[in-house]
């Protein structure tokens, strides 16, 4: 679920993996592995993705369908 969510968010924002990698300071191969589920997403990357997309980490993790962050 996590992997589908991060890919869907990226595509919904019309971003390439390369563009997102520049923001995350990681290689395209590493990020591709996140989207394919071949590598676990580190907590710091998960938090940065949630902040970048303005969604909750729970949404990315598939624990809720609600994209809104509770602040």
PDB file of N, CA and C in Angstrom:
ATOM      1  N   UNK A   1       0.820  -1.186   0.000  1.00  0.00           N
ATOM      2  CA  UNK A   1       0.000   0.000   0.000  1.00  0.00           C
ATOM      3  C   UNK A   1       0.868   1.256   0.000  1.00  0.00           C
ATOM      4  N   UNK A   2       1.897   1.260   0.815  1.00  0.00           N
ATOM      5  CA  UNK A   2       2.781   2.424   0.905  1.00  0.00           C
ATOM      6  C   UNK A   2       3.346   2.756  -0.467  1.00  0.00           C
ATOM      7  N   UNK A   3       3.761   1.752  -1.148  1.00  0.00           N
ATOM      8  CA  UNK A   3       4.458   1.941  -2.416  1.00  0.00           C
ATOM      9  C   UNK A   3       3.517   2.500  -3.479  1.00  0.00           C
ATOM     10  N   UNK A   4       2.288   1.995  -3.489  1.00  0.00           N
ATOM     11  CA  UNK A   4       1.294   2.534  -4.425  1.00  0.00           C
ATOM     12  C   UNK A   4       0.952   3.975  -4.086  1.00  0.00           C
ATOM     13  N   UNK A   5       0.889   4.271  -2.797  1.00  0.00           N
ATOM     14  CA  UNK A   5       0.539   5.630  -2.372  1.00  0.00           C
ATOM     15  C   UNK A   5       1.598   6.645  -2.781  1.00  0.00           C
ATOM     16  N   UNK A   6       2.871   6.313  -2.597  1.00  0.00           N
ATOM     17  CA  UNK A   6       3.879   7.315  -2.952  1.00  0.00           C
ATOM     18  C   UNK A   6       3.962   7.497  -4.463  1.00  0.00           C
ATOM     19  N   UNK A   7       3.721   6.433  -5.193  1.00  0.00           N
ATOM     20  CA  UNK A   7       3.716   6.572  -6.656  1.00  0.00           C
ATOM     21  C   UNK A   7       2.513   7.405  -7.107  1.00  0.00           C
ATOM     22  N   UNK A   8       1.349   7.119  -6.555  1.00  0.00           N
ATOM     23  CA  UNK A   8       0.140   7.863  -6.920  1.00  0.00           C
ATOM     24  C   UNK A   8       0.290   9.341  -6.583  1.00  0.00           C
ATOM     25  N   UNK A   9       0.848   9.647  -5.415  1.00  0.00           N
ATOM     26  CA  UNK A   9       1.060  11.055  -5.041  1.00  0.00           C
ATOM     27  C   UNK A   9       2.000  11.742  -6.026  1.00  0.00           C
ATOM     28  N   UNK A  10       3.070  11.068  -6.377  1.00  0.00           N
ATOM     29  CA  UNK A  10       4.036  11.651  -7.326  1.00  0.00           C
ATOM     30  C   UNK A  10       3.373  11.906  -8.671  1.00  0.00           C
ATOM     31  N   UNK A  11       2.635  10.922  -9.153  1.00  0.00           N
ATOM     32  CA  UNK A  11       1.982  11.074 -10.451  1.00  0.00           C
ATOM     33  C   UNK A  11       0.868  12.119 -10.413  1.00  0.00           C
ATOM     34  N   UNK A  12       0.138  12.194  -9.300  1.00  0.00           N
ATOM     35  CA  UNK A  12      -0.913  13.211  -9.153  1.00  0.00           C
ATOM     36  C   UNK A  12      -0.347  14.627  -9.199  1.00  0.00           C
ATOM     37  N   UNK A  13       0.911  14.760  -8.797  1.00  0.00           N
ATOM     38  CA  UNK A  13       1.571  16.070  -8.807  1.00  0.00           C
ATOM     39  C   UNK A  13       2.419  16.277 -10.068  1.00  0.00           C
ATOM     40  N   UNK A  14       2.255  15.368 -11.030  1.00  0.00           N
ATOM     41  CA  UNK A  14       2.976  15.453 -12.315  1.00  0.00           C
ATOM     42  C   UNK A  14       4.486  15.602 -12.139  1.00  0.00           C
ATOM     43  N   UNK A  15       5.027  14.796 -11.239  1.00  0.00           N
ATOM     44  CA  UNK A  15       6.469  14.814 -10.982  1.00  0.00           C
ATOM     45  C   UNK A  15       7.108  13.538 -11.514  1.00  0.00           C
ATOM     46  N   UNK A  16       8.335  13.669 -11.952  1.00  0.00           N
ATOM     47  CA  UNK A  16       9.108  12.490 -12.317  1.00  0.00           C
ATOM     48  C   UNK A  16       9.851  12.009 -11.074  1.00  0.00           C
ATOM     49  N   UNK A  17      10.317  10.779 -11.145  1.00  0.00           N
ATOM     50  CA  UNK A  17      11.143  10.288 -10.042  1.00  0.00           C
ATOM     51  C   UNK A  17      12.384  11.153  -9.896  1.00  0.00           C
ATOM     52  N   UNK A  18      12.950  11.566 -11.004  1.00  0.00           N
ATOM     53  CA  UNK A  18      14.166  12.380 -10.971  1.00  0.00           C
ATOM     54  C   UNK A  18      13.930  13.698 -10.229  1.00  0.00           C
ATOM     55  N   UNK A  19      12.796  14.329 -10.475  1.00  0.00           N
ATOM     56  CA  UNK A  19      12.488  15.581  -9.790  1.00  0.00           C
ATOM     57  C   UNK A  19      12.343  15.360  -8.283  1.00  0.00           C
ATOM     58  N   UNK A  20      11.672  14.304  -7.913  1.00  0.00           N
ATOM     59  CA  UNK A  20      11.479  14.022  -6.498  1.00  0.00           C
ATOM     60  C   UNK A  20      12.795  13.650  -5.819  1.00  0.00           C
ATOM     61  N   UNK A  21      13.641  12.959  -6.536  1.00  0.00           N
ATOM     62  CA  UNK A  21      14.954  12.577  -5.996  1.00  0.00           C
ATOM     63  C   UNK A  21      15.806  13.801  -5.688  1.00  0.00           C
ATOM     64  N   UNK A  22      15.680  14.817  -6.495  1.00  0.00           N
ATOM     65  CA  UNK A  22      16.433  16.051  -6.238  1.00  0.00           C
ATOM     66  C   UNK A  22      15.987  16.656  -4.906  1.00  0.00           C
ATOM     67  N   UNK A  23      14.695  16.624  -4.624  1.00  0.00           N
ATOM     68  CA  UNK A  23      14.172  17.140  -3.366  1.00  0.00           C
ATOM     69  C   UNK A  23      14.607  16.273  -2.188  1.00  0.00           C
ATOM     70  N   UNK A  24      14.579  14.963  -2.382  1.00  0.00           N
ATOM     71  CA  UNK A  24      14.888  14.030  -1.294  1.00  0.00           C
ATOM     72  C   UNK A  24      16.380  13.770  -1.124  1.00  0.00           C
ATOM     73  N   UNK A  25      17.174  14.224  -2.071  1.00  0.00           N
ATOM     74  CA  UNK A  25      18.625  13.996  -2.049  1.00  0.00           C
ATOM     75  C   UNK A  25      18.951  12.496  -2.030  1.00  0.00           C
ATOM     76  N   UNK A  26      18.336  11.785  -2.967  1.00  0.00           N
ATOM     77  CA  UNK A  26      18.638  10.362  -3.117  1.00  0.00           C
ATOM     78  C   UNK A  26      18.728  10.054  -4.610  1.00  0.00           C
ATOM     79  N   UNK A  27      19.238   8.896  -4.932  1.00  0.00           N
ATOM     80  CA  UNK A  27      19.355   8.518  -6.337  1.00  0.00           C
ATOM     81  C   UNK A  27      17.997   8.049  -6.868  1.00  0.00           C
ATOM     82  N   UNK A  28      17.853   8.098  -8.170  1.00  0.00           N
ATOM     83  CA  UNK A  28      16.621   7.634  -8.781  1.00  0.00           C
ATOM     84  C   UNK A  28      16.424   6.141  -8.529  1.00  0.00           C
ATOM     85  N   UNK A  29      17.503   5.380  -8.522  1.00  0.00           N
ATOM     86  CA  UNK A  29      17.407   3.943  -8.262  1.00  0.00           C
ATOM     87  C   UNK A  29      16.861   3.674  -6.858  1.00  0.00           C
ATOM     88  N   UNK A  30      17.340   4.423  -5.890  1.00  0.00           N
ATOM     89  CA  UNK A  30      16.854   4.243  -4.515  1.00  0.00           C
ATOM     90  C   UNK A  30      15.367   4.560  -4.450  1.00  0.00           C
ATOM     91  N   UNK A  31      14.977   5.693  -5.047  1.00  0.00           N
ATOM     92  CA  UNK A  31      13.555   6.065  -4.997  1.00  0.00           C
ATOM     93  C   UNK A  31      12.697   5.059  -5.758  1.00  0.00           C
ATOM     94  N   UNK A  32      13.176   4.600  -6.888  1.00  0.00           N
ATOM     95  CA  UNK A  32      12.452   3.589  -7.658  1.00  0.00           C
ATOM     96  C   UNK A  32      12.225   2.347  -6.805  1.00  0.00           C
ATOM     97  N   UNK A  33      13.225   1.971  -6.039  1.00  0.00           N
ATOM     98  CA  UNK A  33      13.088   0.816  -5.146  1.00  0.00           C
ATOM     99  C   UNK A  33      12.023   1.051  -4.076  1.00  0.00           C
ATOM    100  N   UNK A  34      11.875   2.301  -3.609  1.00  0.00           N
ATOM    101  CA  UNK A  34      10.797   2.616  -2.665  1.00  0.00           C
ATOM    102  C   UNK A  34       9.449   2.361  -3.324  1.00  0.00           C
ATOM    103  N   UNK A  35       9.265   2.877  -4.544  1.00  0.00           N
ATOM    104  CA  UNK A  35       7.986   2.739  -5.240  1.00  0.00           C
ATOM    105  C   UNK A  35       7.681   1.286  -5.616  1.00  0.00           C
ATOM    106  N   UNK A  36       8.698   0.513  -5.833  1.00  0.00           N
ATOM    107  CA  UNK A  36       8.505  -0.897  -6.197  1.00  0.00           C
ATOM    108  C   UNK A  36       8.373  -1.806  -4.974  1.00  0.00           C
ATOM    109  N   UNK A  37       8.596  -1.254  -3.797  1.00  0.00           N
ATOM    110  CA  UNK A  37       8.518  -2.047  -2.583  1.00  0.00           C
ATOM    111  C   UNK A  37       9.729  -2.930  -2.355  1.00  0.00           C
ATOM    112  N   UNK A  38      10.811  -2.615  -3.038  1.00  0.00           N
ATOM    113  CA  UNK A  38      12.032  -3.408  -2.915  1.00  0.00           C
ATOM    114  C   UNK A  38      12.959  -2.877  -1.818  1.00  0.00           C
ATOM    115  N   UNK A  39      12.584  -1.750  -1.268  1.00  0.00           N
ATOM    116  CA  UNK A  39      13.390  -1.144  -0.209  1.00  0.00           C
ATOM    117  C   UNK A  39      12.437  -0.427   0.734  1.00  0.00           C
ATOM    118  N   UNK A  40      12.640  -0.606   2.033  1.00  0.00           N
ATOM    119  CA  UNK A  40      11.817   0.092   3.020  1.00  0.00           C
ATOM    120  C   UNK A  40      12.119   1.586   2.989  1.00  0.00           C
ATOM    121  N   UNK A  41      11.086   2.367   3.200  1.00  0.00           N
ATOM    122  CA  UNK A  41      11.243   3.820   3.206  1.00  0.00           C
ATOM    123  C   UNK A  41      11.669   4.246   4.608  1.00  0.00           C
ATOM    124  N   UNK A  42      12.831   4.887   4.724  1.00  0.00           N
ATOM    125  CA  UNK A  42      13.274   5.351   6.039  1.00  0.00           C
ATOM    126  C   UNK A  42      12.315   6.394   6.611  1.00  0.00           C
ATOM    127  N   UNK A  43      12.246   6.464   7.919  1.00  0.00           N
ATOM    128  CA  UNK A  43      11.334   7.376   8.589  1.00  0.00           C
ATOM    129  C   UNK A  43      11.545   8.818   8.149  1.00  0.00           C
ATOM    130  N   UNK A  44      12.786   9.250   8.011  1.00  0.00           N
ATOM    131  CA  UNK A  44      13.026  10.643   7.631  1.00  0.00           C
ATOM    132  C   UNK A  44      12.511  10.938   6.225  1.00  0.00           C
ATOM    133  N   UNK A  45      12.600   9.975   5.325  1.00  0.00           N
ATOM    134  CA  UNK A  45      12.081  10.151   3.956  1.00  0.00           C
ATOM    135  C   UNK A  45      10.561  10.159   3.994  1.00  0.00           C
ATOM    136  N   UNK A  46       9.965   9.296   4.792  1.00  0.00           N
ATOM    137  CA  UNK A  46       8.513   9.255   4.937  1.00  0.00           C
ATOM    138  C   UNK A  46       7.981  10.609   5.418  1.00  0.00           C
ATOM    139  N   UNK A  47       8.627  11.184   6.395  1.00  0.00           N
ATOM    140  CA  UNK A  47       8.209  12.476   6.935  1.00  0.00           C
ATOM    141  C   UNK A  47       8.381  13.578   5.885  1.00  0.00           C
ATOM    142  N   UNK A  48       9.494  13.554   5.167  1.00  0.00           N
ATOM    143  CA  UNK A  48       9.713  14.567   4.123  1.00  0.00           C
ATOM    144  C   UNK A  48       8.674  14.454   3.018  1.00  0.00           C
ATOM    145  N   UNK A  49       8.313  13.228   2.630  1.00  0.00           N
ATOM    146  CA  UNK A  49       7.278  13.044   1.616  1.00  0.00           C
ATOM    147  C   UNK A  49       5.928  13.571   2.102  1.00  0.00           C
ATOM    148  N   UNK A  50       5.580  13.273   3.334  1.00  0.00           N
ATOM    149  CA  UNK A  50       4.315  13.763   3.893  1.00  0.00           C
ATOM    150  C   UNK A  50       4.289  15.287   3.917  1.00  0.00           C
ATOM    151  N   UNK A  51       5.377  15.903   4.336  1.00  0.00           N
ATOM    152  CA  UNK A  51       5.456  17.367   4.339  1.00  0.00           C
ATOM    153  C   UNK A  51       5.382  17.924   2.929  1.00  0.00           C
ATOM    154  N   UNK A  52       6.084  17.305   2.003  1.00  0.00           N
ATOM    155  CA  UNK A  52       6.123  17.773   0.626  1.00  0.00           C
ATOM    156  C   UNK A  52       4.731  17.748  -0.005  1.00  0.00           C
ATOM    157  N   UNK A  53       4.002  16.669   0.212  1.00  0.00           N
ATOM    158  CA  UNK A  53       2.680  16.509  -0.389  1.00  0.00           C
ATOM    159  C   UNK A  53       1.550  17.060   0.477  1.00  0.00           C
ATOM    160  N   UNK A  54       1.875  17.520   1.676  1.00  0.00           N
ATOM    161  CA  UNK A  54       0.880  18.053   2.617  1.00  0.00           C
ATOM    162  C   UNK A  54      -0.179  17.004   2.949  1.00  0.00           C
ATOM    163  N   UNK A  55       0.296  15.809   3.238  1.00  0.00           N
ATOM    164  CA  UNK A  55      -0.579  14.718   3.667  1.00  0.00           C
ATOM    165  C   UNK A  55      -0.010  14.144   4.965  1.00  0.00           C
ATOM    166  N   UNK A  56      -0.790  13.310   5.610  1.00  0.00           N
ATOM    167  CA  UNK A  56      -0.303  12.685   6.842  1.00  0.00           C
ATOM    168  C   UNK A  56       0.569  11.476   6.512  1.00  0.00           C
ATOM    169  N   UNK A  57       1.437  11.152   7.434  1.00  0.00           N
ATOM    170  CA  UNK A  57       2.222   9.928   7.264  1.00  0.00           C
ATOM    171  C   UNK A  57       1.287   8.716   7.307  1.00  0.00           C
ATOM    172  N   UNK A  58       0.212   8.806   8.077  1.00  0.00           N
ATOM    173  CA  UNK A  58      -0.751   7.713   8.128  1.00  0.00           C
ATOM    174  C   UNK A  58      -1.358   7.448   6.748  1.00  0.00           C
ATOM    175  N   UNK A  59      -1.589   8.500   5.979  1.00  0.00           N
ATOM    176  CA  UNK A  59      -2.120   8.325   4.629  1.00  0.00           C
ATOM    177  C   UNK A  59      -1.105   7.569   3.761  1.00  0.00           C
ATOM    178  N   UNK A  60       0.137   7.987   3.806  1.00  0.00           N
ATOM    179  CA  UNK A  60       1.169   7.321   3.009  1.00  0.00           C
ATOM    180  C   UNK A  60       1.306   5.857   3.437  1.00  0.00           C
ATOM    181  N   UNK A  61       1.222   5.610   4.726  1.00  0.00           N
ATOM    182  CA  UNK A  61       1.364   4.252   5.246  1.00  0.00           C
ATOM    183  C   UNK A  61       0.133   3.385   4.990  1.00  0.00           C
ATOM    184  N   UNK A  62      -0.950   3.991   4.507  1.00  0.00           N
ATOM    185  CA  UNK A  62      -2.156   3.234   4.223  1.00  0.00           C
ATOM    186  C   UNK A  62      -3.019   2.970   5.442  1.00  0.00           C
ATOM    187  N   UNK A  63      -2.805   3.727   6.512  1.00  0.00           N
ATOM    188  CA  UNK A  63      -3.581   3.541   7.734  1.00  0.00           C
ATOM    189  C   UNK A  63      -4.892   4.313   7.703  1.00  0.00           C
ATOM    190  N   UNK A  64      -5.014   5.260   6.773  1.00  0.00           N
ATOM    191  CA  UNK A  64      -6.227   6.043   6.609  1.00  0.00           C
ATOM    192  C   UNK A  64      -6.378   6.439   5.145  1.00  0.00           C
ATOM    193  N   UNK A  65      -7.606   6.697   4.760  1.00  0.00           N
ATOM    194  CA  UNK A  65      -7.868   7.202   3.410  1.00  0.00           C
ATOM    195  C   UNK A  65      -7.920   8.725   3.399  1.00  0.00           C
ATOM    196  N   UNK A  66      -7.865   9.321   4.578  1.00  0.00           N
ATOM    197  CA  UNK A  66      -7.938  10.770   4.727  1.00  0.00           C
ATOM    198  C   UNK A  66      -6.560  11.376   4.488  1.00  0.00           C
ATOM    199  N   UNK A  67      -6.445  12.203   3.459  1.00  0.00           N
ATOM    200  CA  UNK A  67      -5.149  12.820   3.140  1.00  0.00           C
ATOM    201  C   UNK A  67      -4.788  13.961   4.083  1.00  0.00           C
ATOM    202  N   UNK A  68      -5.784  14.527   4.761  1.00  0.00           N
ATOM    203  CA  UNK A  68      -5.550  15.705   5.609  1.00  0.00           C
ATOM    204  C   UNK A  68      -4.655  15.377   6.789  1.00  0.00           C
ATOM    205  N   UNK A  69      -3.785  16.335   7.066  1.00  0.00           N
ATOM    206  CA  UNK A  69      -2.937  16.201   8.254  1.00  0.00           C
ATOM    207  C   UNK A  69      -3.654  16.788   9.450  1.00  0.00           C
ATOM    208  N   UNK A  70      -3.576  16.116  10.564  1.00  0.00           N
ATOM    209  CA  UNK A  70      -4.099  16.659  11.813  1.00  0.00           C
ATOM    210  C   UNK A  70      -2.961  17.327  12.532  1.00  0.00           C
ATOM    211  N   UNK A  71      -3.050  18.632  12.635  1.00  0.00           N
ATOM    212  CA  UNK A  71      -1.950  19.393  13.250  1.00  0.00           C
ATOM    213  C   UNK A  71      -2.335  19.785  14.653  1.00  0.00           C
TER     214      UNK A  71
END
